[in-house]
Amino acid sequence: MARILIVDDSPSQLLSIQRIVEKLGHETITATDGTTGVEAAKAHLPDLVLMDVVMPKINGFQATRTLKREPTTQHVPVVLVTTKDQDTDRLWGIRQGARAYITKPFSENELLEVMERIFSQQKAKATE
């Protein structure tokens, strides 16, 4: 079981993602904006962050960049989960340090595949 931080300003999206993640057997922590998400990541050191992009205070790109520059959270993988579906957005998200980019709406299987891939990569990296 992993600890997953979900950051999304939409209560319905937050609840939807939380239900999927908990159904998969993981513990969840939630935040409703980028600033609170960064604070939660520092406080709880999750195994994965699922981050919306379009949010108040600081957006998901800025929050991802902040997490990747912070020594205590730079190892935490971030998946951007957003309605922004342009290739330039995907590229910018990866450049900010995101490990993956999922476009809303997405299926439960799509989220599961991305999470499994990241956890598999983390496990392989830990055994090197």
Foldseek 3Di string as FASTA:
>chain_A
DWEEEEEAQDPVVSVVVVVLQVVVPYHYDYYRALVVSLVCCLVPVTQEYEAEADGPPHGRLVSLLVQCVDVSRVVRAYEYEYQPDDPVVQVSSVVSPHPYYHHPPDDSVVVVVVVVVVVVVVVVVVVD
